[in-house]
PDB file of N, CA and C in Angstrom:
ATOM      1  N   MET A   1     -11.563 -13.809  -4.126  1.00  0.00           N
ATOM      2  CA  MET A   1     -11.236 -12.641  -4.935  1.00  0.00           C
ATOM      3  C   MET A   1      -9.973 -11.990  -4.368  1.00  0.00           C
ATOM      4  N   PRO A   2      -9.003 -11.660  -5.223  1.00  0.00           N
ATOM      5  CA  PRO A   2      -7.760 -11.051  -4.732  1.00  0.00           C
ATOM      6  C   PRO A   2      -7.986  -9.638  -4.204  1.00  0.00           C
ATOM      7  N   ASP A   3      -7.153  -9.249  -3.265  1.00  0.00           N
ATOM      8  CA  ASP A   3      -7.222  -7.902  -2.690  1.00  0.00           C
ATOM      9  C   ASP A   3      -6.430  -6.927  -3.546  1.00  0.00           C
ATOM     10  N   GLY A   4      -6.812  -5.659  -3.479  1.00  0.00           N
ATOM     11  CA  GLY A   4      -6.015  -4.612  -4.097  1.00  0.00           C
ATOM     12  C   GLY A   4      -6.605  -4.029  -5.358  1.00  0.00           C
ATOM     13  N   LYS A   5      -5.729  -3.351  -6.086  1.00  0.00           N
ATOM     14  CA  LYS A   5      -6.082  -2.667  -7.330  1.00  0.00           C
ATOM     15  C   LYS A   5      -5.044  -3.016  -8.392  1.00  0.00           C
ATOM     16  N   ARG A   6      -5.371  -2.691  -9.645  1.00  0.00           N
ATOM     17  CA  ARG A   6      -4.459  -3.038 -10.746  1.00  0.00           C
ATOM     18  C   ARG A   6      -3.509  -1.905 -11.127  1.00  0.00           C
ATOM     19  N   THR A   7      -3.827  -0.675 -10.752  1.00  0.00           N
ATOM     20  CA  THR A   7      -2.947   0.463 -11.039  1.00  0.00           C
ATOM     21  C   THR A   7      -2.589   1.154  -9.735  1.00  0.00           C
ATOM     22  N   TRP A   8      -1.295   1.394  -9.534  1.00  0.00           N
ATOM     23  CA  TRP A   8      -0.789   2.084  -8.341  1.00  0.00           C
ATOM     24  C   TRP A   8       0.157   3.192  -8.783  1.00  0.00           C
ATOM     25  N   ILE A   9       0.058   4.347  -8.103  1.00  0.00           N
ATOM     26  CA  ILE A   9       0.943   5.478  -8.397  1.00  0.00           C
ATOM     27  C   ILE A   9       1.584   5.953  -7.101  1.00  0.00           C
ATOM     28  N   PHE A  10       2.894   6.148  -7.164  1.00  0.00           N
ATOM     29  CA  PHE A  10       3.680   6.655  -6.035  1.00  0.00           C
ATOM     30  C   PHE A  10       4.407   7.914  -6.506  1.00  0.00           C
ATOM     31  N   PRO A  11       3.863   9.107  -6.219  1.00  0.00           N
ATOM     32  CA  PRO A  11       4.464  10.330  -6.736  1.00  0.00           C
ATOM     33  C   PRO A  11       5.696  10.801  -5.971  1.00  0.00           C
ATOM     34  N   ASP A  12       5.927  10.295  -4.751  1.00  0.00           N
ATOM     35  CA  ASP A  12       6.991  10.840  -3.905  1.00  0.00           C
ATOM     36  C   ASP A  12       8.177   9.896  -3.759  1.00  0.00           C
ATOM     37  N   GLY A  13       8.780   9.510  -4.859  1.00  0.00           N
ATOM     38  CA  GLY A  13      10.029   8.763  -4.775  1.00  0.00           C
ATOM     39  C   GLY A  13      11.177   9.747  -4.644  1.00  0.00           C
ATOM     40  N   ASP A  14      12.094   9.471  -3.757  1.00  0.00           N
ATOM     41  CA  ASP A  14      13.271  10.328  -3.583  1.00  0.00           C
ATOM     42  C   ASP A  14      14.385   9.452  -3.027  1.00  0.00           C
ATOM     43  N   LEU A  15      15.096   8.801  -3.922  1.00  0.00           N
ATOM     44  CA  LEU A  15      16.101   7.817  -3.532  1.00  0.00           C
ATOM     45  C   LEU A  15      17.228   8.475  -2.746  1.00  0.00           C
ATOM     46  N   PRO A  16      17.396   8.086  -1.468  1.00  0.00           N
ATOM     47  CA  PRO A  16      18.469   8.677  -0.655  1.00  0.00           C
ATOM     48  C   PRO A  16      19.815   8.031  -0.976  1.00  0.00           C
ATOM     49  N   PRO A  17      20.914   8.693  -0.617  1.00  0.00           N
ATOM     50  CA  PRO A  17      22.228   8.074  -0.815  1.00  0.00           C
ATOM     51  C   PRO A  17      22.393   6.861   0.093  1.00  0.00           C
ATOM     52  N   ALA A  18      23.278   5.955  -0.292  1.00  0.00           N
ATOM     53  CA  ALA A  18      23.498   4.718   0.472  1.00  0.00           C
ATOM     54  C   ALA A  18      24.058   4.992   1.861  1.00  0.00           C
ATOM     55  N   GLY A  19      24.822   6.067   2.025  1.00  0.00           N
ATOM     56  CA  GLY A  19      25.403   6.397   3.329  1.00  0.00           C
ATOM     57  C   GLY A  19      26.820   5.864   3.474  1.00  0.00           C
ATOM     58  N   ASP A  20      27.384   6.048   4.652  1.00  0.00           N
ATOM     59  CA  ASP A  20      28.754   5.615   4.925  1.00  0.00           C
ATOM     60  C   ASP A  20      28.846   4.100   4.996  1.00  0.00           C
ATOM     61  N   GLU A  21      30.000   3.570   4.622  1.00  0.00           N
ATOM     62  CA  GLU A  21      30.207   2.124   4.617  1.00  0.00           C
ATOM     63  C   GLU A  21      30.130   1.501   6.004  1.00  0.00           C
ATOM     64  N   ASP A  22      30.403   2.269   7.054  1.00  0.00           N
ATOM     65  CA  ASP A  22      30.410   1.704   8.407  1.00  0.00           C
ATOM     66  C   ASP A  22      29.020   1.629   9.046  1.00  0.00           C
ATOM     67  N   LEU A  23      27.980   2.081   8.339  1.00  0.00           N
ATOM     68  CA  LEU A  23      26.620   2.003   8.877  1.00  0.00           C
ATOM     69  C   LEU A  23      26.054   0.591   8.712  1.00  0.00           C
ATOM     70  N   PRO A  24      25.207   0.152   9.640  1.00  0.00           N
ATOM     71  CA  PRO A  24      24.644  -1.197   9.540  1.00  0.00           C
ATOM     72  C   PRO A  24      23.531  -1.332   8.496  1.00  0.00           C
ATOM     73  N   LEU A  25      23.061  -0.214   7.955  1.00  0.00           N
ATOM     74  CA  LEU A  25      21.947  -0.215   7.018  1.00  0.00           C
ATOM     75  C   LEU A  25      22.252   0.741   5.884  1.00  0.00           C
ATOM     76  N   GLU A  26      21.954   0.339   4.653  1.00  0.00           N
ATOM     77  CA  GLU A  26      22.123   1.214   3.495  1.00  0.00           C
ATOM     78  C   GLU A  26      20.880   2.073   3.314  1.00  0.00           C
ATOM     79  N   GLY A  27      21.085   3.325   2.936  1.00  0.00           N
ATOM     80  CA  GLY A  27      19.954   4.148   2.540  1.00  0.00           C
ATOM     81  C   GLY A  27      19.384   3.594   1.241  1.00  0.00           C
ATOM     82  N   HIS A  28      18.064   3.445   1.171  1.00  0.00           N
ATOM     83  CA  HIS A  28      17.442   2.895  -0.029  1.00  0.00           C
ATOM     84  C   HIS A  28      15.930   3.103   0.018  1.00  0.00           C
ATOM     85  N   GLU A  29      15.299   2.818  -1.097  1.00  0.00           N
ATOM     86  CA  GLU A  29      13.848   2.711  -1.154  1.00  0.00           C
ATOM     87  C   GLU A  29      13.505   1.344  -1.721  1.00  0.00           C
ATOM     88  N   SER A  30      12.380   0.818  -1.268  1.00  0.00           N
ATOM     89  CA  SER A  30      11.897  -0.481  -1.738  1.00  0.00           C
ATOM     90  C   SER A  30      10.446  -0.353  -2.164  1.00  0.00           C
ATOM     91  N   LEU A  31      10.113  -1.054  -3.220  1.00  0.00           N
ATOM     92  CA  LEU A  31       8.733  -1.208  -3.653  1.00  0.00           C
ATOM     93  C   LEU A  31       8.288  -2.579  -3.154  1.00  0.00           C
ATOM     94  N   ILE A  32       7.278  -2.610  -2.294  1.00  0.00           N
ATOM     95  CA  ILE A  32       6.793  -3.860  -1.730  1.00  0.00           C
ATOM     96  C   ILE A  32       5.431  -4.162  -2.344  1.00  0.00           C
ATOM     97  N   VAL A  33       5.287  -5.363  -2.915  1.00  0.00           N
ATOM     98  CA  VAL A  33       4.060  -5.740  -3.614  1.00  0.00           C
ATOM     99  C   VAL A  33       3.528  -7.046  -3.032  1.00  0.00           C
ATOM    100  N   LEU A  34       2.244  -7.044  -2.682  1.00  0.00           N
ATOM    101  CA  LEU A  34       1.561  -8.237  -2.183  1.00  0.00           C
ATOM    102  C   LEU A  34       0.534  -8.698  -3.207  1.00  0.00           C
ATOM    103  N   ASN A  35       0.597  -9.973  -3.551  1.00  0.00           N
ATOM    104  CA  ASN A  35      -0.367 -10.586  -4.458  1.00  0.00           C
ATOM    105  C   ASN A  35      -1.100 -11.679  -3.685  1.00  0.00           C
ATOM    106  N   THR A  36      -2.337 -11.407  -3.268  1.00  0.00           N
ATOM    107  CA  THR A  36      -3.112 -12.389  -2.501  1.00  0.00           C
ATOM    108  C   THR A  36      -3.926 -13.321  -3.392  1.00  0.00           C
ATOM    109  N   GLY A  37      -3.884 -13.093  -4.692  1.00  0.00           N
ATOM    110  CA  GLY A  37      -4.701 -13.878  -5.612  1.00  0.00           C
ATOM    111  C   GLY A  37      -4.097 -15.225  -5.973  1.00  0.00           C
ATOM    112  N   ASP A  38      -4.827 -15.957  -6.812  1.00  0.00           N
ATOM    113  CA  ASP A  38      -4.418 -17.291  -7.251  1.00  0.00           C
ATOM    114  C   ASP A  38      -3.646 -17.286  -8.563  1.00  0.00           C
ATOM    115  N   SER A  39      -3.456 -16.119  -9.175  1.00  0.00           N
ATOM    116  CA  SER A  39      -2.700 -15.999 -10.426  1.00  0.00           C
ATOM    117  C   SER A  39      -1.484 -15.115 -10.206  1.00  0.00           C
ATOM    118  N   ASP A  40      -0.391 -15.426 -10.905  1.00  0.00           N
ATOM    119  CA  ASP A  40       0.802 -14.589 -10.835  1.00  0.00           C
ATOM    120  C   ASP A  40       0.483 -13.192 -11.359  1.00  0.00           C
ATOM    121  N   ALA A  41       1.076 -12.183 -10.756  1.00  0.00           N
ATOM    122  CA  ALA A  41       0.896 -10.797 -11.189  1.00  0.00           C
ATOM    123  C   ALA A  41       2.021 -10.422 -12.151  1.00  0.00           C
ATOM    124  N   GLN A  42       1.654 -10.078 -13.362  1.00  0.00           N
ATOM    125  CA  GLN A  42       2.596  -9.537 -14.340  1.00  0.00           C
ATOM    126  C   GLN A  42       2.471  -8.018 -14.238  1.00  0.00           C
ATOM    127  N   ILE A  43       3.552  -7.362 -13.842  1.00  0.00           N
ATOM    128  CA  ILE A  43       3.494  -5.934 -13.524  1.00  0.00           C
ATOM    129  C   ILE A  43       4.433  -5.164 -14.437  1.00  0.00           C
ATOM    130  N   GLU A  44       3.941  -4.052 -14.977  1.00  0.00           N
ATOM    131  CA  GLU A  44       4.783  -3.108 -15.713  1.00  0.00           C
ATOM    132  C   GLU A  44       4.979  -1.884 -14.839  1.00  0.00           C
ATOM    133  N   ILE A  45       6.230  -1.459 -14.719  1.00  0.00           N
ATOM    134  CA  ILE A  45       6.587  -0.298 -13.905  1.00  0.00           C
ATOM    135  C   ILE A  45       7.069   0.815 -14.826  1.00  0.00           C
ATOM    136  N   ASP A  46       6.505   2.004 -14.652  1.00  0.00           N
ATOM    137  CA  ASP A  46       6.965   3.203 -15.353  1.00  0.00           C
ATOM    138  C   ASP A  46       7.604   4.116 -14.317  1.00  0.00           C
ATOM    139  N   VAL A  47       8.787   4.641 -14.631  1.00  0.00           N
ATOM    140  CA  VAL A  47       9.523   5.523 -13.721  1.00  0.00           C
ATOM    141  C   VAL A  47       9.550   6.917 -14.341  1.00  0.00           C
ATOM    142  N   TYR A  48       9.051   7.916 -13.606  1.00  0.00           N
ATOM    143  CA  TYR A  48       8.975   9.299 -14.077  1.00  0.00           C
ATOM    144  C   TYR A  48      10.000  10.160 -13.345  1.00  0.00           C
ATOM    145  N   PHE A  49      10.488  11.200 -14.040  1.00  0.00           N
ATOM    146  CA  PHE A  49      11.525  12.078 -13.503  1.00  0.00           C
ATOM    147  C   PHE A  49      11.148  13.543 -13.691  1.00  0.00           C
ATOM    148  N   GLU A  50      11.842  14.422 -12.983  1.00  0.00           N
ATOM    149  CA  GLU A  50      11.647  15.870 -13.134  1.00  0.00           C
ATOM    150  C   GLU A  50      12.208  16.393 -14.452  1.00  0.00           C
ATOM    151  N   ASP A  51      13.327  15.839 -14.879  1.00  0.00           N
ATOM    152  CA  ASP A  51      14.121  16.485 -15.921  1.00  0.00           C
ATOM    153  C   ASP A  51      14.424  15.609 -17.132  1.00  0.00           C
ATOM    154  N   ARG A  52      13.701  14.523 -17.301  1.00  0.00           N
ATOM    155  CA  ARG A  52      13.932  13.668 -18.468  1.00  0.00           C
ATOM    156  C   ARG A  52      12.697  12.823 -18.731  1.00  0.00           C
ATOM    157  N   GLU A  53      12.670  12.192 -19.878  1.00  0.00           N
ATOM    158  CA  GLU A  53      11.544  11.345 -20.250  1.00  0.00           C
ATOM    159  C   GLU A  53      11.488  10.110 -19.346  1.00  0.00           C
ATOM    160  N   PRO A  54      10.288   9.559 -19.153  1.00  0.00           N
ATOM    161  CA  PRO A  54      10.157   8.395 -18.270  1.00  0.00           C
ATOM    162  C   PRO A  54      10.774   7.129 -18.865  1.00  0.00           C
ATOM    163  N   GLU A  55      11.109   6.229 -17.987  1.00  0.00           N
ATOM    164  CA  GLU A  55      11.520   4.872 -18.360  1.00  0.00           C
ATOM    165  C   GLU A  55      10.262   4.021 -18.185  1.00  0.00           C
ATOM    166  N   VAL A  56       9.724   3.488 -19.268  1.00  0.00           N
ATOM    167  CA  VAL A  56       8.419   2.826 -19.196  1.00  0.00           C
ATOM    168  C   VAL A  56       8.516   1.331 -19.511  1.00  0.00           C
ATOM    169  N   GLY A  57       7.572   0.588 -18.943  1.00  0.00           N
ATOM    170  CA  GLY A  57       7.401  -0.817 -19.295  1.00  0.00           C
ATOM    171  C   GLY A  57       8.396  -1.788 -18.698  1.00  0.00           C
ATOM    172  N   LEU A  58       8.985  -1.443 -17.544  1.00  0.00           N
ATOM    173  CA  LEU A  58       9.859  -2.410 -16.872  1.00  0.00           C
ATOM    174  C   LEU A  58       8.987  -3.551 -16.359  1.00  0.00           C
ATOM    175  N   LYS A  59       9.330  -4.770 -16.684  1.00  0.00           N
ATOM    176  CA  LYS A  59       8.491  -5.909 -16.331  1.00  0.00           C
ATOM    177  C   LYS A  59       9.037  -6.652 -15.112  1.00  0.00           C
ATOM    178  N   VAL A  60       8.135  -6.909 -14.143  1.00  0.00           N
ATOM    179  CA  VAL A  60       8.447  -7.732 -12.972  1.00  0.00           C
ATOM    180  C   VAL A  60       7.265  -8.675 -12.741  1.00  0.00           C
ATOM    181  N   GLU A  61       7.493  -9.690 -11.936  1.00  0.00           N
ATOM    182  CA  GLU A  61       6.435 -10.646 -11.610  1.00  0.00           C
ATOM    183  C   GLU A  61       6.392 -10.877 -10.109  1.00  0.00           C
ATOM    184  N   VAL A  62       5.181 -10.985  -9.580  1.00  0.00           N
ATOM    185  CA  VAL A  62       4.980 -11.390  -8.191  1.00  0.00           C
ATOM    186  C   VAL A  62       4.098 -12.639  -8.230  1.00  0.00           C
ATOM    187  N   PRO A  63       4.624 -13.769  -7.787  1.00  0.00           N
ATOM    188  CA  PRO A  63       3.844 -15.007  -7.839  1.00  0.00           C
ATOM    189  C   PRO A  63       2.561 -14.919  -7.013  1.00  0.00           C
ATOM    190  N   ALA A  64       1.620 -15.788  -7.336  1.00  0.00           N
ATOM    191  CA  ALA A  64       0.356 -15.865  -6.605  1.00  0.00           C
ATOM    192  C   ALA A  64       0.618 -16.132  -5.126  1.00  0.00           C
ATOM    193  N   ARG A  65      -0.166 -15.460  -4.277  1.00  0.00           N
ATOM    194  CA  ARG A  65      -0.124 -15.635  -2.818  1.00  0.00           C
ATOM    195  C   ARG A  65       1.273 -15.382  -2.240  1.00  0.00           C
ATOM    196  N   ARG A  66       1.953 -14.359  -2.761  1.00  0.00           N
ATOM    197  CA  ARG A  66       3.303 -14.030  -2.300  1.00  0.00           C
ATOM    198  C   ARG A  66       3.465 -12.518  -2.153  1.00  0.00           C
ATOM    199  N   VAL A  67       4.468 -12.140  -1.355  1.00  0.00           N
ATOM    200  CA  VAL A  67       4.898 -10.748  -1.247  1.00  0.00           C
ATOM    201  C   VAL A  67       6.308 -10.676  -1.810  1.00  0.00           C
ATOM    202  N   LYS A  68       6.622  -9.580  -2.485  1.00  0.00           N
ATOM    203  CA  LYS A  68       7.959  -9.422  -3.061  1.00  0.00           C
ATOM    204  C   LYS A  68       8.416  -7.986  -2.864  1.00  0.00           C
ATOM    205  N   CYS A  69       9.675  -7.848  -2.500  1.00  0.00           N
ATOM    206  CA  CYS A  69      10.286  -6.543  -2.274  1.00  0.00           C
ATOM    207  C   CYS A  69      11.282  -6.266  -3.391  1.00  0.00           C
ATOM    208  N   PHE A  70      11.131  -5.128  -4.048  1.00  0.00           N
ATOM    209  CA  PHE A  70      12.044  -4.705  -5.112  1.00  0.00           C
ATOM    210  C   PHE A  70      12.824  -3.500  -4.609  1.00  0.00           C
ATOM    211  N   ARG A  71      14.120  -3.651  -4.395  1.00  0.00           N
ATOM    212  CA  ARG A  71      14.962  -2.521  -3.993  1.00  0.00           C
ATOM    213  C   ARG A  71      15.117  -1.592  -5.196  1.00  0.00           C
ATOM    214  N   VAL A  72      14.736  -0.350  -5.023  1.00  0.00           N
ATOM    215  CA  VAL A  72      14.773   0.610  -6.125  1.00  0.00           C
ATOM    216  C   VAL A  72      16.204   1.050  -6.443  1.00  0.00           C
ATOM    217  N   ASP A  73      17.125   0.909  -5.487  1.00  0.00           N
ATOM    218  CA  ASP A  73      18.518   1.281  -5.736  1.00  0.00           C
ATOM    219  C   ASP A  73      19.308   0.163  -6.413  1.00  0.00           C
ATOM    220  N   LYS A  74      18.683  -0.958  -6.681  1.00  0.00           N
ATOM    221  CA  LYS A  74      19.299  -2.092  -7.385  1.00  0.00           C
ATOM    222  C   LYS A  74      18.678  -2.189  -8.772  1.00  0.00           C
ATOM    223  N   PRO A  75      19.307  -2.913  -9.709  1.00  0.00           N
ATOM    224  CA  PRO A  75      18.711  -3.059 -11.044  1.00  0.00           C
ATOM    225  C   PRO A  75      17.267  -3.561 -10.950  1.00  0.00           C
ATOM    226  N   LEU A  76      16.377  -2.909 -11.693  1.00  0.00           N
ATOM    227  CA  LEU A  76      14.938  -3.134 -11.572  1.00  0.00           C
ATOM    228  C   LEU A  76      14.358  -3.646 -12.883  1.00  0.00           C
ATOM    229  N   GLY A  77      13.542  -4.670 -12.786  1.00  0.00           N
ATOM    230  CA  GLY A  77      12.792  -5.155 -13.935  1.00  0.00           C
ATOM    231  C   GLY A  77      13.613  -5.961 -14.910  1.00  0.00           C
ATOM    232  N   ASP A  78      12.964  -6.319 -16.005  1.00  0.00           N
ATOM    233  CA  ASP A  78      13.574  -7.179 -17.013  1.00  0.00           C
ATOM    234  C   ASP A  78      14.754  -6.518 -17.721  1.00  0.00           C
ATOM    235  N   ARG A  79      14.835  -5.199 -17.679  1.00  0.00           N
ATOM    236  CA  ARG A  79      15.950  -4.488 -18.327  1.00  0.00           C
ATOM    237  C   ARG A  79      17.017  -4.063 -17.329  1.00  0.00           C
ATOM    238  N   GLY A  80      16.833  -4.394 -16.059  1.00  0.00           N
ATOM    239  CA  GLY A  80      17.835  -4.054 -15.052  1.00  0.00           C
ATOM    240  C   GLY A  80      18.063  -2.556 -14.920  1.00  0.00           C
ATOM    241  N   PHE A  81      16.987  -1.767 -15.015  1.00  0.00           N
ATOM    242  CA  PHE A  81      17.110  -0.308 -14.945  1.00  0.00           C
ATOM    243  C   PHE A  81      17.498   0.125 -13.537  1.00  0.00           C
ATOM    244  N   LYS A  82      18.429   1.041 -13.447  1.00  0.00           N
ATOM    245  CA  LYS A  82      18.875   1.565 -12.154  1.00  0.00           C
ATOM    246  C   LYS A  82      18.313   2.981 -11.984  1.00  0.00           C
ATOM    247  N   VAL A  83      17.428   3.141 -11.012  1.00  0.00           N
ATOM    248  CA  VAL A  83      16.848   4.456 -10.725  1.00  0.00           C
ATOM    249  C   VAL A  83      17.953   5.343 -10.160  1.00  0.00           C
ATOM    250  N   PRO A  84      18.162   6.544 -10.717  1.00  0.00           N
ATOM    251  CA  PRO A  84      19.204   7.429 -10.190  1.00  0.00           C
ATOM    252  C   PRO A  84      18.774   8.064  -8.864  1.00  0.00           C
ATOM    253  N   PHE A  85      19.747   8.512  -8.089  1.00  0.00           N
ATOM    254  CA  PHE A  85      19.450   9.200  -6.837  1.00  0.00           C
ATOM    255  C   PHE A  85      18.663  10.464  -7.124  1.00  0.00           C
ATOM    256  N   GLY A  86      17.749  10.796  -6.226  1.00  0.00           N
ATOM    257  CA  GLY A  86      16.955  12.001  -6.364  1.00  0.00           C
ATOM    258  C   GLY A  86      15.489  11.694  -6.617  1.00  0.00           C
ATOM    259  N   GLN A  87      14.775  12.708  -7.077  1.00  0.00           N
ATOM    260  CA  GLN A  87      13.321  12.677  -7.240  1.00  0.00           C
ATOM    261  C   GLN A  87      12.893  11.783  -8.399  1.00  0.00           C
ATOM    262  N   TYR A  88      11.884  10.963  -8.143  1.00  0.00           N
ATOM    263  CA  TYR A  88      11.263  10.149  -9.182  1.00  0.00           C
ATOM    264  C   TYR A  88       9.849   9.778  -8.724  1.00  0.00           C
ATOM    265  N   ALA A  89       9.063   9.210  -9.620  1.00  0.00           N
ATOM    266  CA  ALA A  89       7.724   8.709  -9.296  1.00  0.00           C
ATOM    267  C   ALA A  89       7.528   7.385 -10.026  1.00  0.00           C
ATOM    268  N   LEU A  90       6.629   6.546  -9.496  1.00  0.00           N
ATOM    269  CA  LEU A  90       6.364   5.241 -10.097  1.00  0.00           C
ATOM    270  C   LEU A  90       4.891   5.085 -10.442  1.00  0.00           C
ATOM    271  N   ARG A  91       4.648   4.388 -11.552  1.00  0.00           N
ATOM    272  CA  ARG A  91       3.307   3.897 -11.867  1.00  0.00           C
ATOM    273  C   ARG A  91       3.425   2.397 -12.115  1.00  0.00           C
ATOM    274  N   LEU A  92       2.586   1.622 -11.431  1.00  0.00           N
ATOM    275  CA  LEU A  92       2.536   0.178 -11.607  1.00  0.00           C
ATOM    276  C   LEU A  92       1.230  -0.177 -12.290  1.00  0.00           C
ATOM    277  N   ARG A  93       1.294  -1.053 -13.276  1.00  0.00           N
ATOM    278  CA  ARG A  93       0.100  -1.585 -13.932  1.00  0.00           C
ATOM    279  C   ARG A  93       0.200  -3.105 -13.884  1.00  0.00           C
ATOM    280  N   SER A  94      -0.755  -3.732 -13.217  1.00  0.00           N
ATOM    281  CA  SER A  94      -0.694  -5.165 -12.959  1.00  0.00           C
ATOM    282  C   SER A  94      -1.792  -5.918 -13.707  1.00  0.00           C
ATOM    283  N   SER A  95      -1.493  -7.152 -14.053  1.00  0.00           N
ATOM    284  CA  SER A  95      -2.471  -8.014 -14.724  1.00  0.00           C
ATOM    285  C   SER A  95      -3.577  -8.476 -13.778  1.00  0.00           C
ATOM    286  N   VAL A  96      -3.318  -8.441 -12.480  1.00  0.00           N
ATOM    287  CA  VAL A  96      -4.292  -8.838 -11.455  1.00  0.00           C
ATOM    288  C   VAL A  96      -4.233  -7.820 -10.317  1.00  0.00           C
ATOM    289  N   PRO A  97      -5.258  -7.748  -9.464  1.00  0.00           N
ATOM    290  CA  PRO A  97      -5.199  -6.827  -8.327  1.00  0.00           C
ATOM    291  C   PRO A  97      -4.036  -7.159  -7.387  1.00  0.00           C
ATOM    292  N   ILE A  98      -3.357  -6.112  -6.919  1.00  0.00           N
ATOM    293  CA  ILE A  98      -2.240  -6.221  -5.982  1.00  0.00           C
ATOM    294  C   ILE A  98      -2.367  -5.107  -4.946  1.00  0.00           C
ATOM    295  N   VAL A  99      -1.589  -5.221  -3.883  1.00  0.00           N
ATOM    296  CA  VAL A  99      -1.449  -4.147  -2.903  1.00  0.00           C
ATOM    297  C   VAL A  99       0.020  -3.759  -2.910  1.00  0.00           C
ATOM    298  N   ALA A 100       0.308  -2.444  -2.904  1.00  0.00           N
ATOM    299  CA  ALA A 100       1.696  -1.993  -3.009  1.00  0.00           C
ATOM    300  C   ALA A 100       1.959  -0.823  -2.069  1.00  0.00           C
ATOM    301  N   GLN A 101       3.213  -0.695  -1.666  1.00  0.00           N
ATOM    302  CA  GLN A 101       3.656   0.452  -0.872  1.00  0.00           C
ATOM    303  C   GLN A 101       5.138   0.678  -1.139  1.00  0.00           C
ATOM    304  N   ILE A 102       5.600   1.864  -0.750  1.00  0.00           N
ATOM    305  CA  ILE A 102       7.018   2.212  -0.840  1.00  0.00           C
ATOM    306  C   ILE A 102       7.573   2.302   0.574  1.00  0.00           C
ATOM    307  N   GLY A 103       8.759   1.776   0.782  1.00  0.00           N
ATOM    308  CA  GLY A 103       9.476   1.914   2.050  1.00  0.00           C
ATOM    309  C   GLY A 103      10.785   2.639   1.805  1.00  0.00           C
ATOM    310  N   ARG A 104      11.131   3.558   2.693  1.00  0.00           N
ATOM    311  CA  ARG A 104      12.368   4.340   2.534  1.00  0.00           C
ATOM    312  C   ARG A 104      13.205   4.232   3.795  1.00  0.00           C
ATOM    313  N   ALA A 105      14.474   3.861   3.625  1.00  0.00           N
ATOM    314  CA  ALA A 105      15.451   3.875   4.719  1.00  0.00           C
ATOM    315  C   ALA A 105      16.397   5.035   4.448  1.00  0.00           C
ATOM    316  N   ASP A 106      16.368   6.030   5.319  1.00  0.00           N
ATOM    317  CA  ASP A 106      17.204   7.221   5.164  1.00  0.00           C
ATOM    318  C   ASP A 106      18.226   7.231   6.290  1.00  0.00           C
ATOM    319  N   VAL A 107      19.493   7.140   5.927  1.00  0.00           N
ATOM    320  CA  VAL A 107      20.568   7.026   6.925  1.00  0.00           C
ATOM    321  C   VAL A 107      21.362   8.325   7.060  1.00  0.00           C
ATOM    322  N   ARG A 108      20.806   9.439   6.577  1.00  0.00           N
ATOM    323  CA  ARG A 108      21.543  10.706   6.644  1.00  0.00           C
ATOM    324  C   ARG A 108      21.544  11.323   8.029  1.00  0.00           C
ATOM    325  N   GLN A 109      20.747  10.800   8.951  1.00  0.00           N
ATOM    326  CA  GLN A 109      20.714  11.303  10.325  1.00  0.00           C
ATOM    327  C   GLN A 109      21.285  10.230  11.249  1.00  0.00           C
ATOM    328  N   PRO A 110      21.849  10.622  12.378  1.00  0.00           N
ATOM    329  CA  PRO A 110      22.418   9.626  13.299  1.00  0.00           C
ATOM    330  C   PRO A 110      21.397   8.608  13.812  1.00  0.00           C
ATOM    331  N   ASN A 111      20.137   9.015  13.967  1.00  0.00           N
ATOM    332  CA  ASN A 111      19.124   8.082  14.473  1.00  0.00           C
ATOM    333  C   ASN A 111      18.454   7.266  13.374  1.00  0.00           C
ATOM    334  N   LEU A 112      18.847   7.467  12.135  1.00  0.00           N
ATOM    335  CA  LEU A 112      18.289   6.765  10.972  1.00  0.00           C
ATOM    336  C   LEU A 112      16.775   6.981  10.890  1.00  0.00           C
ATOM    337  N   ALA A 113      16.178   6.572   9.796  1.00  0.00           N
ATOM    338  CA  ALA A 113      14.729   6.681   9.638  1.00  0.00           C
ATOM    339  C   ALA A 113      14.269   5.644   8.630  1.00  0.00           C
ATOM    340  N   TYR A 114      13.171   4.966   8.944  1.00  0.00           N
ATOM    341  CA  TYR A 114      12.540   4.054   7.992  1.00  0.00           C
ATOM    342  C   TYR A 114      11.041   4.308   8.043  1.00  0.00           C
ATOM    343  N   TYR A 115      10.461   4.530   6.898  1.00  0.00           N
ATOM    344  CA  TYR A 115       9.018   4.739   6.870  1.00  0.00           C
ATOM    345  C   TYR A 115       8.445   4.217   5.567  1.00  0.00           C
ATOM    346  N   THR A 116       7.151   3.960   5.603  1.00  0.00           N
ATOM    347  CA  THR A 116       6.460   3.446   4.430  1.00  0.00           C
ATOM    348  C   THR A 116       5.320   4.385   4.074  1.00  0.00           C
ATOM    349  N   THR A 117       4.903   4.291   2.826  1.00  0.00           N
ATOM    350  CA  THR A 117       3.768   5.088   2.388  1.00  0.00           C
ATOM    351  C   THR A 117       2.982   4.305   1.347  1.00  0.00           C
ATOM    352  N   PRO A 118       1.655   4.298   1.473  1.00  0.00           N
ATOM    353  CA  PRO A 118       0.845   3.686   0.425  1.00  0.00           C
ATOM    354  C   PRO A 118       0.766   4.636  -0.759  1.00  0.00           C
ATOM    355  N   GLY A 119       0.408   4.119  -1.888  1.00  0.00           N
ATOM    356  CA  GLY A 119       0.249   4.951  -3.070  1.00  0.00           C
ATOM    357  C   GLY A 119      -1.216   5.208  -3.367  1.00  0.00           C
ATOM    358  N   TYR A 120      -1.458   5.891  -4.462  1.00  0.00           N
ATOM    359  CA  TYR A 120      -2.807   6.083  -4.980  1.00  0.00           C
ATOM    360  C   TYR A 120      -3.126   4.862  -5.834  1.00  0.00           C
ATOM    361  N   ALA A 121      -4.304   4.294  -5.661  1.00  0.00           N
ATOM    362  CA  ALA A 121      -4.675   3.095  -6.414  1.00  0.00           C
ATOM    363  C   ALA A 121      -6.022   3.277  -7.085  1.00  0.00           C
ATOM    364  N   GLN A 122      -6.157   2.656  -8.268  1.00  0.00           N
ATOM    365  CA  GLN A 122      -7.451   2.657  -8.963  1.00  0.00           C
ATOM    366  C   GLN A 122      -7.636   1.362  -9.712  1.00  0.00           C
TER     367      GLN A 122
END
């Protein structure tokens, strides 16, 4: 039986700026998805904002028994949607159970910062 849940929500998206060109790491956020099952995961991503209507139904796939990282600052999903800098939230709906988390690299401080957070799942 695959691990995880079929719906995941990440309310605290806040895409940081990429930072200076001379830094060894770009500021970004990543959506990391693990599919431990025997079937490919067909996932729809909805992106919510403070000040505009959501972008819904972005389609991505994570093959069976694989992990995949989606950089949120790069074109996302079948429509190549680019999440703008600032506050946003994500909802994932998967065809099979998955495990997901968000990772954020923030380069606005000299010591840099990278951290991950799990979402709410049901």
